[in-house]
Amino acid sequence: MDDRLLRRRQREARASDRAVTSLLTLPPELLASVMEYASYKWRYSFQRERSWLGSLLTIACANRACLEALRYIPALRIEFEDHIPVRNRVFDDQQNSKVARWCDIVGRRFRHVLSAGDPSVAERNTMNPTQTNAILDCLASFPNLQSLHLRAGDAIAACASLKGHFLAGRFPQLRSLRLRCYYNSDLRFQRDHEPTAAGARQLVKSAVRDFMSDVPVDRAVDVLVCGVFPHLLNIDDEWGLWTSTLFDLLAKGADVHSRPMLLEVVGACLKNFDYMEDMWIRGHMGKLTTFYDTVEKLLVVHGVDANYRGRWSYDAVDHVWLINAGHRASSTVVSVLWLILYWLSWCFEKLTGEMELPGGDGAPWDSEAEGDMQEVVQLLMRTMDLLVRHGARCSKDDCPKPNYKQGKFEEDNEYVERLADTYRTTQNFSAWVLAHPSCTAAVREAANRGNLVLRDIDNPILRAARDRAAALSSE
């Protein structure tokens, strides 16, 4: 529900002579928000095997007012079965009726849908082409839909269906499109370089390229920078194709100033590293160089804002220090400069022994692997210099804000030690960056101005943890 509408309804309720004493007296938009919250809490607290729509309909059946309020639910969750006994499989044709029933209910009961998406594909089943088409036909009936994130669909069918809807003038208000669709039946072993798997990837990439040629250019950029297309290009190391496609779309008029373009480039080029462990492996410097060249051209030629911040999910970087500090959100709003600092800190901890060595289980850190990591560090330092020369900044106010737990701090000495380690590592990292041979005058100047901050170590709990850890070690 729109916040302004919610506040207006609240003012109207307070101004009226009658008090709001029951669900029946609530405005339908406000009642829809109550139902959304209740469905979420009920499902995840008591009925974990119940689908999103099933939970919502159970509440809606309480009375007619709740049933009518369904039309004001703004966010649609594409999920149409209560319990999944077998996961990671493609739904067969016997499931078509279940998907059709879902589409029928949603099409009749919902009217003001603004966003639609399915849950994470991890351990989930995948819709076949017929089911994918049915879902997209259903979503095309919502003229105000602004965001569509499809994960568990067939990529080829989704591209063909969406292309038809766009050419027919549907989805006029769509502002965000994500086609992940990683778990197609033919893409089950996506990293398999056998001819059958490689052929399946080529079919998907061809379908996506055909889709991008006939849809609004900004939606084509959406698909290019996030989802199955860059994922498959990463497997086949086709970053030259990705770069040329991006700048072809920009030449056609794609808007790079009202979206976090640099973050999206990072997501496409670097987010495919598996929890950072791949960054040091030989063979990735070509991708990293592509990333640097793309960022440079966006800054110099297209004038992209180096400080445009965007939401970044934690699955791409291992935010141990945030998790240890009690930060449980799945994403946060960051700048590109902060991400470069984070990745540099990851390299620093690897090179200085602060973190487990690549490979784990006592695998040796040989000189060749260290040389690869040093190449990565040099390119990240070059990128940081490029960003600060174009006005990028990352002050302590721009860093993610962990929710340090005061109560746990007072009771848990191990927690105190972790926070103290965070304080010490951050200080050592800052000194390491400034002393690195690749550090430039522009980077040093940004650091002196306080615009090169990875973590706010002036936080009172962090400083107290440092002092308390020192006292504990002296006892």
Foldseek 3Di string as FASTA:
>chain_A
DDPVVVVVQVVVQVPDPDHPDDLVPGDLLVSLVVLLVVLVCCCVPPNVLADSVRSSVVVLVPDVSSQQSQQNNAEAEPDFGRHDPAFLEEDDPVCQVSLLVVLVCCLVRYANYAEYEYDDNVRHYAYELSSLLSVVVSVQVHQNHAYYAYARYALLSNLVNVLVSQVVVTNVRHNAYEAAPCRDPQCPPCLDPPPSNLVVLVSNLVSLVVSCVRHPLQHNVNHLLHHNNLLSCVSVVVVVVSLVVVVVSVVVPHDQAPDLNLVSLCCSQQLNPQQLLCQLPPPNVVSLVSSLVSVLCCCPPVVHDQADKDKDFCRSYPPPVLVLQPNDDRIDIAGPLLVLLRSLLVLVCQVVVVDAHRPDPPDDCDPVSNVSSVSVNLSSLVSNLSSLVSPAFAAQVREDDHNGDPVCLVPPLVSLVSLLVVLVSQVVSVVCQCPDPSHDPSNVVRVVVRRNHNHDCVPPSSVVSNVVNVVVVVD
